[in-house]
Amino acid sequence: MTQPVFLYVVNWFLIFVLSTRSGEVLKRRLKEDVLPEWFRGRKATALAYLAGVIVMGSSVSSVIFGILFMRWYVWPLALFGGMAITGVTFKNFSAASVVAFWPPFLILVQVILWVFGRSHAGIHSIAY
């Protein structure tokens, strides 16, 4: 049961970091001179919108996964665990790298959770 819970916490960590950094880019809270040359202007906005769409879909998918396949007390704790890890490590990641390169990792974690996490021993299902 520890592997899916760990992945679920990592999943929520990625969701919180991506949503926060995408919001910063979209609201133009970052100085242009701090951002790399390739991550300025319309390209940054387009990547932030794409990351935001991926985050919205992943957050809904994560809540559904938690409700269907995890015990009732595990998924809220994993959500708060991901939020706590984000709060501690948030400033260590640049907005450009997070928004441009992290969405594929979030998609990969989602796929692993849905394909392999359900069949892992110890995960509760409402079908039982």
N, C-alpha and C. Protein backbone atom coordinates (compact mmCIF):
# COMPACT_ATOMS: atom_id res chain seq x y z
N MET A 1 0.82 -1.20 0.00
CA MET A 1 0.00 0.00 0.00
C MET A 1 0.86 1.26 0.00
N THR A 2 2.12 1.16 0.35
CA THR A 2 2.93 2.36 0.45
C THR A 2 3.28 2.94 -0.91
N GLN A 3 3.47 2.10 -1.91
CA GLN A 3 3.85 2.63 -3.21
C GLN A 3 2.76 3.53 -3.81
N PRO A 4 1.51 3.12 -3.89
CA PRO A 4 0.50 4.03 -4.43
C PRO A 4 0.30 5.28 -3.58
N VAL A 5 0.44 5.17 -2.26
CA VAL A 5 0.28 6.35 -1.42
C VAL A 5 1.41 7.33 -1.69
N PHE A 6 2.64 6.82 -1.82
CA PHE A 6 3.77 7.68 -2.16
C PHE A 6 3.54 8.37 -3.50
N LEU A 7 3.09 7.61 -4.51
CA LEU A 7 2.81 8.20 -5.82
C LEU A 7 1.68 9.22 -5.74
N TYR A 8 0.72 8.95 -4.90
CA TYR A 8 -0.40 9.86 -4.74
C TYR A 8 0.05 11.18 -4.11
N VAL A 9 0.96 11.11 -3.13
CA VAL A 9 1.52 12.32 -2.54
C VAL A 9 2.35 13.08 -3.57
N VAL A 10 3.18 12.37 -4.34
CA VAL A 10 3.96 13.00 -5.40
C VAL A 10 3.05 13.64 -6.43
N ASN A 11 1.96 12.97 -6.74
CA ASN A 11 0.97 13.50 -7.68
C ASN A 11 0.42 14.84 -7.19
N TRP A 12 0.03 14.92 -5.93
CA TRP A 12 -0.51 16.18 -5.39
C TRP A 12 0.58 17.24 -5.30
N PHE A 13 1.82 16.85 -5.00
CA PHE A 13 2.93 17.79 -5.00
C PHE A 13 3.09 18.42 -6.39
N LEU A 14 3.08 17.60 -7.43
CA LEU A 14 3.22 18.12 -8.80
C LEU A 14 2.05 19.03 -9.16
N ILE A 15 0.85 18.67 -8.75
CA ILE A 15 -0.32 19.49 -9.04
C ILE A 15 -0.20 20.86 -8.38
N PHE A 16 0.19 20.90 -7.11
CA PHE A 16 0.28 22.18 -6.41
C PHE A 16 1.39 23.06 -6.96
N VAL A 17 2.55 22.47 -7.24
CA VAL A 17 3.66 23.27 -7.77
C VAL A 17 3.32 23.79 -9.16
N LEU A 18 2.79 22.93 -10.02
CA LEU A 18 2.43 23.36 -11.38
C LEU A 18 1.35 24.44 -11.37
N SER A 19 0.35 24.28 -10.53
CA SER A 19 -0.73 25.28 -10.53
C SER A 19 -0.23 26.63 -10.01
N THR A 20 0.62 26.60 -9.00
CA THR A 20 1.14 27.86 -8.45
C THR A 20 2.04 28.57 -9.45
N ARG A 21 2.97 27.83 -10.03
CA ARG A 21 3.90 28.45 -10.99
C ARG A 21 3.18 28.88 -12.27
N SER A 22 2.22 28.13 -12.73
CA SER A 22 1.45 28.54 -13.91
C SER A 22 0.67 29.82 -13.63
N GLY A 23 0.09 29.91 -12.45
CA GLY A 23 -0.62 31.12 -12.07
C GLY A 23 0.29 32.33 -12.01
N GLU A 24 1.50 32.15 -11.52
CA GLU A 24 2.45 33.26 -11.50
C GLU A 24 2.78 33.74 -12.90
N VAL A 25 2.96 32.80 -13.82
CA VAL A 25 3.27 33.18 -15.20
C VAL A 25 2.09 33.88 -15.84
N LEU A 26 0.89 33.35 -15.63
CA LEU A 26 -0.30 33.94 -16.26
C LEU A 26 -0.63 35.32 -15.68
N LYS A 27 -0.38 35.52 -14.41
CA LYS A 27 -0.66 36.82 -13.80
C LYS A 27 0.51 37.79 -13.93
N ARG A 28 1.56 37.36 -14.59
CA ARG A 28 2.75 38.17 -14.87
C ARG A 28 3.38 38.72 -13.59
N ARG A 29 3.50 37.85 -12.59
CA ARG A 29 4.13 38.24 -11.33
C ARG A 29 5.65 38.09 -11.37
N LEU A 30 6.17 37.49 -12.43
CA LEU A 30 7.61 37.27 -12.53
C LEU A 30 8.23 38.34 -13.41
N LYS A 31 9.39 38.80 -13.04
CA LYS A 31 10.08 39.82 -13.82
C LYS A 31 10.63 39.18 -15.10
N GLU A 32 10.50 39.91 -16.19
CA GLU A 32 10.96 39.40 -17.49
C GLU A 32 12.46 39.15 -17.52
N ASP A 33 13.23 39.96 -16.80
CA ASP A 33 14.68 39.79 -16.84
C ASP A 33 15.15 38.57 -16.05
N VAL A 34 14.30 38.04 -15.18
CA VAL A 34 14.64 36.84 -14.42
C VAL A 34 14.40 35.58 -15.24
N LEU A 35 13.41 35.63 -16.12
CA LEU A 35 13.06 34.46 -16.93
C LEU A 35 14.09 34.24 -18.03
N PRO A 36 14.29 32.99 -18.42
CA PRO A 36 15.20 32.74 -19.54
C PRO A 36 14.63 33.31 -20.84
N GLU A 37 15.49 33.51 -21.80
CA GLU A 37 15.09 34.11 -23.08
C GLU A 37 14.00 33.30 -23.79
N TRP A 38 14.10 31.98 -23.74
CA TRP A 38 13.14 31.13 -24.44
C TRP A 38 11.78 31.07 -23.76
N PHE A 39 11.68 31.63 -22.54
CA PHE A 39 10.44 31.54 -21.78
C PHE A 39 9.87 32.92 -21.51
N ARG A 40 9.77 33.72 -22.53
CA ARG A 40 9.20 35.06 -22.39
C ARG A 40 8.07 35.26 -23.38
N GLY A 41 7.17 36.14 -23.02
CA GLY A 41 6.11 36.54 -23.94
C GLY A 41 5.04 35.49 -24.13
N ARG A 42 4.63 35.34 -25.39
CA ARG A 42 3.49 34.47 -25.71
C ARG A 42 3.79 33.00 -25.48
N LYS A 43 5.05 32.61 -25.65
CA LYS A 43 5.39 31.20 -25.44
C LYS A 43 5.18 30.81 -23.98
N ALA A 44 5.58 31.68 -23.06
CA ALA A 44 5.39 31.40 -21.64
C ALA A 44 3.90 31.31 -21.30
N THR A 45 3.12 32.20 -21.87
CA THR A 45 1.68 32.19 -21.61
C THR A 45 1.04 30.92 -22.16
N ALA A 46 1.42 30.52 -23.36
CA ALA A 46 0.87 29.31 -23.95
C ALA A 46 1.23 28.07 -23.13
N LEU A 47 2.48 27.97 -22.70
CA LEU A 47 2.89 26.84 -21.88
C LEU A 47 2.18 26.85 -20.53
N ALA A 48 1.96 28.02 -19.96
CA ALA A 48 1.26 28.11 -18.68
C ALA A 48 -0.21 27.69 -18.82
N TYR A 49 -0.85 28.08 -19.92
CA TYR A 49 -2.23 27.63 -20.15
C TYR A 49 -2.29 26.11 -20.32
N LEU A 50 -1.35 25.55 -21.07
CA LEU A 50 -1.32 24.10 -21.25
C LEU A 50 -1.10 23.39 -19.91
N ALA A 51 -0.17 23.89 -19.12
CA ALA A 51 0.07 23.30 -17.79
C ALA A 51 -1.16 23.43 -16.91
N GLY A 52 -1.87 24.56 -17.01
CA GLY A 52 -3.09 24.74 -16.23
C GLY A 52 -4.18 23.76 -16.60
N VAL A 53 -4.34 23.50 -17.88
CA VAL A 53 -5.34 22.52 -18.33
C VAL A 53 -4.98 21.12 -17.83
N ILE A 54 -3.69 20.78 -17.92
CA ILE A 54 -3.24 19.48 -17.43
C ILE A 54 -3.46 19.36 -15.93
N VAL A 55 -3.20 20.43 -15.19
CA VAL A 55 -3.40 20.42 -13.74
C VAL A 55 -4.88 20.26 -13.40
N MET A 56 -5.75 20.97 -14.10
CA MET A 56 -7.19 20.85 -13.81
C MET A 56 -7.68 19.42 -14.03
N GLY A 57 -7.30 18.84 -15.16
CA GLY A 57 -7.71 17.46 -15.42
C GLY A 57 -7.12 16.48 -14.43
N SER A 58 -5.86 16.70 -14.07
CA SER A 58 -5.20 15.79 -13.13
C SER A 58 -5.77 15.91 -11.73
N SER A 59 -6.16 17.10 -11.33
CA SER A 59 -6.72 17.24 -9.98
C SER A 59 -8.06 16.54 -9.87
N VAL A 60 -8.90 16.67 -10.88
CA VAL A 60 -10.18 15.96 -10.87
C VAL A 60 -9.94 14.45 -10.89
N SER A 61 -9.02 14.01 -11.74
CA SER A 61 -8.69 12.60 -11.82
C SER A 61 -8.14 12.07 -10.50
N SER A 62 -7.33 12.87 -9.83
CA SER A 62 -6.74 12.44 -8.56
C SER A 62 -7.78 12.31 -7.46
N VAL A 63 -8.72 13.24 -7.41
CA VAL A 63 -9.79 13.14 -6.41
C VAL A 63 -10.63 11.89 -6.67
N ILE A 64 -10.96 11.64 -7.92
CA ILE A 64 -11.75 10.45 -8.26
C ILE A 64 -10.99 9.19 -7.90
N PHE A 65 -9.69 9.14 -8.25
CA PHE A 65 -8.87 7.97 -7.90
C PHE A 65 -8.85 7.76 -6.39
N GLY A 66 -8.65 8.83 -5.64
CA GLY A 66 -8.59 8.70 -4.19
C GLY A 66 -9.89 8.21 -3.59
N ILE A 67 -11.00 8.72 -4.07
CA ILE A 67 -12.30 8.32 -3.54
C ILE A 67 -12.62 6.87 -3.90
N LEU A 68 -12.30 6.48 -5.12
CA LEU A 68 -12.65 5.13 -5.56
C LEU A 68 -11.73 4.04 -5.04
N PHE A 69 -10.44 4.31 -4.94
CA PHE A 69 -9.50 3.21 -4.72
C PHE A 69 -8.66 3.32 -3.46
N MET A 70 -8.84 4.33 -2.66
CA MET A 70 -8.06 4.45 -1.43
C MET A 70 -9.01 4.54 -0.24
N ARG A 71 -8.48 4.22 0.89
CA ARG A 71 -9.30 4.32 2.10
C ARG A 71 -9.69 5.79 2.33
N TRP A 72 -10.80 5.99 3.02
CA TRP A 72 -11.35 7.34 3.15
C TRP A 72 -10.40 8.30 3.84
N TYR A 73 -9.53 7.83 4.73
CA TYR A 73 -8.64 8.73 5.46
C TYR A 73 -7.30 8.93 4.77
N VAL A 74 -6.99 8.12 3.74
CA VAL A 74 -5.68 8.20 3.10
C VAL A 74 -5.62 9.34 2.09
N TRP A 75 -6.64 9.49 1.26
CA TRP A 75 -6.51 10.48 0.18
C TRP A 75 -6.49 11.91 0.70
N PRO A 76 -7.25 12.29 1.75
CA PRO A 76 -7.08 13.67 2.25
C PRO A 76 -5.71 13.89 2.89
N LEU A 77 -5.19 12.86 3.57
CA LEU A 77 -3.85 12.99 4.17
C LEU A 77 -2.78 13.12 3.09
N ALA A 78 -2.93 12.37 2.00
CA ALA A 78 -1.97 12.48 0.89
C ALA A 78 -2.07 13.86 0.24
N LEU A 79 -3.27 14.38 0.11
CA LEU A 79 -3.45 15.72 -0.45
C LEU A 79 -2.74 16.76 0.42
N PHE A 80 -2.94 16.70 1.74
CA PHE A 80 -2.27 17.65 2.63
C PHE A 80 -0.77 17.39 2.70
N GLY A 81 -0.36 16.13 2.54
CA GLY A 81 1.07 15.83 2.49
C GLY A 81 1.72 16.45 1.27
N GLY A 82 1.06 16.36 0.12
CA GLY A 82 1.58 17.02 -1.09
C GLY A 82 1.61 18.52 -0.94
N MET A 83 0.61 19.08 -0.27
CA MET A 83 0.58 20.52 -0.03
C MET A 83 1.71 20.95 0.90
N ALA A 84 1.98 20.15 1.92
CA ALA A 84 3.04 20.47 2.86
C ALA A 84 4.42 20.40 2.19
N ILE A 85 4.64 19.38 1.38
CA ILE A 85 5.92 19.26 0.67
C ILE A 85 6.09 20.43 -0.29
N THR A 86 5.01 20.84 -0.93
CA THR A 86 5.07 21.99 -1.84
C THR A 86 5.45 23.25 -1.07
N GLY A 87 4.84 23.45 0.08
CA GLY A 87 5.14 24.64 0.87
C GLY A 87 6.59 24.72 1.31
N VAL A 88 7.19 23.58 1.59
CA VAL A 88 8.58 23.56 2.05
C VAL A 88 9.55 23.73 0.89
N THR A 89 9.26 23.12 -0.25
CA THR A 89 10.23 23.08 -1.36
C THR A 89 9.89 24.01 -2.51
N PHE A 90 8.86 24.82 -2.38
CA PHE A 90 8.33 25.59 -3.49
C PHE A 90 9.35 26.53 -4.13
N LYS A 91 10.10 27.25 -3.35
CA LYS A 91 11.03 28.26 -3.87
C LYS A 91 12.27 27.67 -4.54
N ASN A 92 12.45 26.37 -4.45
CA ASN A 92 13.63 25.74 -5.04
C ASN A 92 13.49 25.48 -6.53
N PHE A 93 12.32 25.68 -7.10
CA PHE A 93 12.08 25.35 -8.49
C PHE A 93 11.73 26.62 -9.27
N SER A 94 12.38 26.81 -10.40
CA SER A 94 12.10 28.00 -11.21
C SER A 94 10.79 27.81 -11.98
N ALA A 95 10.12 28.90 -12.22
CA ALA A 95 8.84 28.85 -12.92
C ALA A 95 9.01 28.31 -14.33
N ALA A 96 10.07 28.69 -15.01
CA ALA A 96 10.27 28.25 -16.38
C ALA A 96 10.44 26.74 -16.47
N SER A 97 11.24 26.16 -15.60
CA SER A 97 11.45 24.72 -15.66
C SER A 97 10.20 23.96 -15.25
N VAL A 98 9.49 24.46 -14.25
CA VAL A 98 8.28 23.77 -13.80
C VAL A 98 7.21 23.78 -14.88
N VAL A 99 6.92 24.95 -15.43
CA VAL A 99 5.83 25.07 -16.40
C VAL A 99 6.18 24.38 -17.72
N ALA A 100 7.43 24.42 -18.11
CA ALA A 100 7.81 23.87 -19.42
C ALA A 100 8.05 22.37 -19.39
N PHE A 101 8.61 21.86 -18.29
CA PHE A 101 9.08 20.47 -18.31
C PHE A 101 8.37 19.52 -17.36
N TRP A 102 7.61 19.99 -16.41
CA TRP A 102 6.99 19.10 -15.43
C TRP A 102 5.64 18.51 -15.84
N PRO A 103 4.84 19.10 -16.73
CA PRO A 103 3.56 18.47 -17.07
C PRO A 103 3.65 17.03 -17.58
N PRO A 104 4.66 16.64 -18.38
CA PRO A 104 4.74 15.22 -18.76
C PRO A 104 4.93 14.29 -17.56
N PHE A 105 5.64 14.75 -16.53
CA PHE A 105 5.82 13.92 -15.34
C PHE A 105 4.51 13.75 -14.59
N LEU A 106 3.70 14.80 -14.55
CA LEU A 106 2.39 14.69 -13.91
C LEU A 106 1.51 13.70 -14.67
N ILE A 107 1.53 13.77 -15.99
CA ILE A 107 0.75 12.82 -16.80
C ILE A 107 1.25 11.40 -16.56
N LEU A 108 2.56 11.21 -16.48
CA LEU A 108 3.13 9.89 -16.24
C LEU A 108 2.71 9.34 -14.88
N VAL A 109 2.73 10.17 -13.86
CA VAL A 109 2.30 9.72 -12.53
C VAL A 109 0.82 9.36 -12.55
N GLN A 110 0.01 10.13 -13.26
CA GLN A 110 -1.41 9.79 -13.39
C GLN A 110 -1.62 8.44 -14.06
N VAL A 111 -0.90 8.20 -15.14
CA VAL A 111 -1.02 6.93 -15.86
C VAL A 111 -0.59 5.77 -14.95
N ILE A 112 0.52 5.94 -14.24
CA ILE A 112 0.98 4.88 -13.35
C ILE A 112 -0.04 4.62 -12.25
N LEU A 113 -0.62 5.66 -11.69
CA LEU A 113 -1.64 5.47 -10.66
C LEU A 113 -2.84 4.70 -11.19
N TRP A 114 -3.36 5.10 -12.33
CA TRP A 114 -4.57 4.47 -12.86
C TRP A 114 -4.32 3.08 -13.39
N VAL A 115 -3.16 2.83 -13.97
CA VAL A 115 -2.90 1.50 -14.56
C VAL A 115 -2.40 0.52 -13.51
N PHE A 116 -1.41 0.93 -12.73
CA PHE A 116 -0.79 0.00 -11.80
C PHE A 116 -1.26 0.17 -10.36
N GLY A 117 -1.68 1.34 -9.99
CA GLY A 117 -2.07 1.61 -8.61
C GLY A 117 -3.31 0.87 -8.17
N ARG A 118 -4.26 0.71 -9.07
CA ARG A 118 -5.51 0.03 -8.71
C ARG A 118 -5.28 -1.43 -8.38
N SER A 119 -4.37 -2.06 -9.09
CA SER A 119 -4.18 -3.49 -8.89
C SER A 119 -3.19 -3.81 -7.78
N HIS A 120 -2.57 -2.79 -7.20
CA HIS A 120 -1.60 -3.00 -6.14
C HIS A 120 -2.30 -3.51 -4.89
N ALA A 121 -1.68 -4.47 -4.24
CA ALA A 121 -2.30 -5.07 -3.05
C ALA A 121 -2.49 -4.03 -1.96
N GLY A 122 -3.62 -4.06 -1.33
CA GLY A 122 -3.88 -3.19 -0.20
C GLY A 122 -4.69 -1.97 -0.53
N ILE A 123 -4.96 -1.72 -1.78
CA ILE A 123 -5.76 -0.55 -2.11
C ILE A 123 -7.23 -0.94 -2.03
N HIS A 124 -7.95 -0.13 -1.36
CA HIS A 124 -9.37 -0.35 -1.14
C HIS A 124 -10.16 0.05 -2.39
N SER A 125 -11.17 -0.71 -2.70
CA SER A 125 -12.04 -0.35 -3.81
C SER A 125 -13.48 -0.38 -3.31
N ILE A 126 -14.30 0.51 -3.84
CA ILE A 126 -15.69 0.54 -3.41
C ILE A 126 -16.47 -0.65 -3.99
N ALA A 127 -15.86 -1.39 -4.92
CA ALA A 127 -16.53 -2.55 -5.50
C ALA A 127 -16.60 -3.72 -4.54
N TYR A 128 -15.78 -3.69 -3.48
CA TYR A 128 -15.77 -4.82 -2.54
C TYR A 128 -16.78 -4.65 -1.46
